[in-house]
């Protein structure tokens, strides 16, 4: 693969080196075995146009990350494209790459010149080229165009793609200098204490200062009340702001505390951490004290009366009377159970699934059903019966089915809808084989016919997967991004709403900035980062995991033998085959009905 990691080309002479759209440093590398006369330059020369020109290139991938620019971390984009392996490839004289920043209208152009003698490179792979180290800005959209040279005069063989850089909340670029100056790494560790001093209520707000924000505004709000104080960091690393109130000033127990930082980039539009406190839990109002005292007296009187009656009754009836006096509505919190459905895309991804199971079990107290942890029973029942048994158990309870989407999930779903069959290396190595395809066959029809989708939760790890990996049937429900939205996902498992009228529920230790503070969460984060780093080093990792046997489709007889081993009846076999080959079409019909009934339009 040809790389251009550190070189600056500008389309206009007035574009300075310090401009946002540029390529890092001035080192140049155009070495690749099998290429002749390879060099890189700007696009100052006029482009040659001919009648018979080679076919256009094909887009491969783009990557985001952090590179160092003179000891300063900057966000960069790496662009990769491939040449078509046909007879016209030997007529390719080079490639031209144009990049336009649609937010600032800045552009640059890079020209590759080379000569190719064979359709494939010395490694018998398609010729692949890469332009690395393009400095980009968060939330900017770039139009990238690639054209093979010489250019044809009658057809447009240029490929174009719009690439939108994520915001500073994305882990891939949040450590860049521009994101740091927007407060991407700031954790205020806000704490609020309540005290009484000289007959007044004193509320002290403490927090950690940030590197790129000198000034802060701390405010306290309640119904009909708003107080704020400005504070400057100076040489301090932590700050305290004190508010004093008369007890009669506060009409409500709940107060909203907000810290407004002023970072050098976002200025007045920066993220503001908030916290709701209940000062009545520290110093309750007088009326509440009176009511609590009266309530304690009533409860004490009732207890004394019940004890007196119990002491004067027959001992045989003591247990029954005690059972009758147990408070109504008392319930024991049941432990939730979750069935994990996923694809064995890669050993590193399997490690992420195992670490997520450990985190759900150890940190969240959830019982996880996972095929990798139940191989004995799975071997006895068979994959179809094992999945169907767990699905029925969950359908008849308040438990959930969590579907983790990835590239393998999308590829296998498309294979079930008529696309080419896929078979992954990890499926061949696993003692239970591919569990995803039978899971989709069994669960998607139930999911589509369901009046509501509370049993199914769809999620993906946005550091190693994307929303494009979610199969079309699951686009009609909420898709959670892990670990950014794990807390919302866990509230879904508990059948509890995070946002309620007048308050926002929060579970300590489950947010994106806290989950890795425990051992199981730290192991999960390390597993995600390890796979993310592997993907950056191996852009074609998924293609490398595919086996050649994936092109061979299983016959109906093979499917029959598989289901027969799982003790399927003839009627169940027919039902299974019908759903397997017709659910793609039935999904579109059910999706249309769902949109009409709910008056919504859902985009795939």
Foldseek 3Di string as FASTA:
>chain_A
DAEAQACFFFPDPVDDPPDQWTFHHHDGTGDDAQKAPKDKDFDPDDADEDADAFAAKAFFDKDWAWDDHPNAIFIWMKGKIFHDLDPRPQRFQWKKKKKAFPVVRGIGIMIIGIGHDHSPGPVRHTDMYMYIRGGDDAQIKMKMKMGTPRHYPPDDRIDIDIDTHHHLCDPRGVRGPLNLLLVSPDDFPWDWDWDADPQKIKIKIKTFDGDQFFKKKKWKDDVVDIDIDIDGCPPHGMDMDMDIGHPVVDPAQKMKIKMQTQGPNCGRNGDIDIDIGGCCVVPNDPVVVVVVVVVVVVVVVVVVVVVVVLVPDDPVCNVVVVVVPDDPPDDDDDAAEEEEAEWCQDPLVVLLVVLVCVLCCPVVVHHYHYCVVVVVVCVVQPLLRVLVVVVVVLVPDLHAYEYEFAQVLQQCVVVLAPDFFWAFQVLVVDPRHTNNLSNCLPVLVVCLPDPDNLRYAAEYAPLHHNPVRDHPLPLVDDYYHPPQCVQVVVCSRVVHHQDDVPDGDDDPQRHPVRVCVDPSSVSSVVSSVVNSVVCVVPVCSSVVRTDPCRRDDDDPVVVVVSVVVSVDDPVRSVVSVCSSNCVVVVSVVSVVVVCVVVVHDTDD
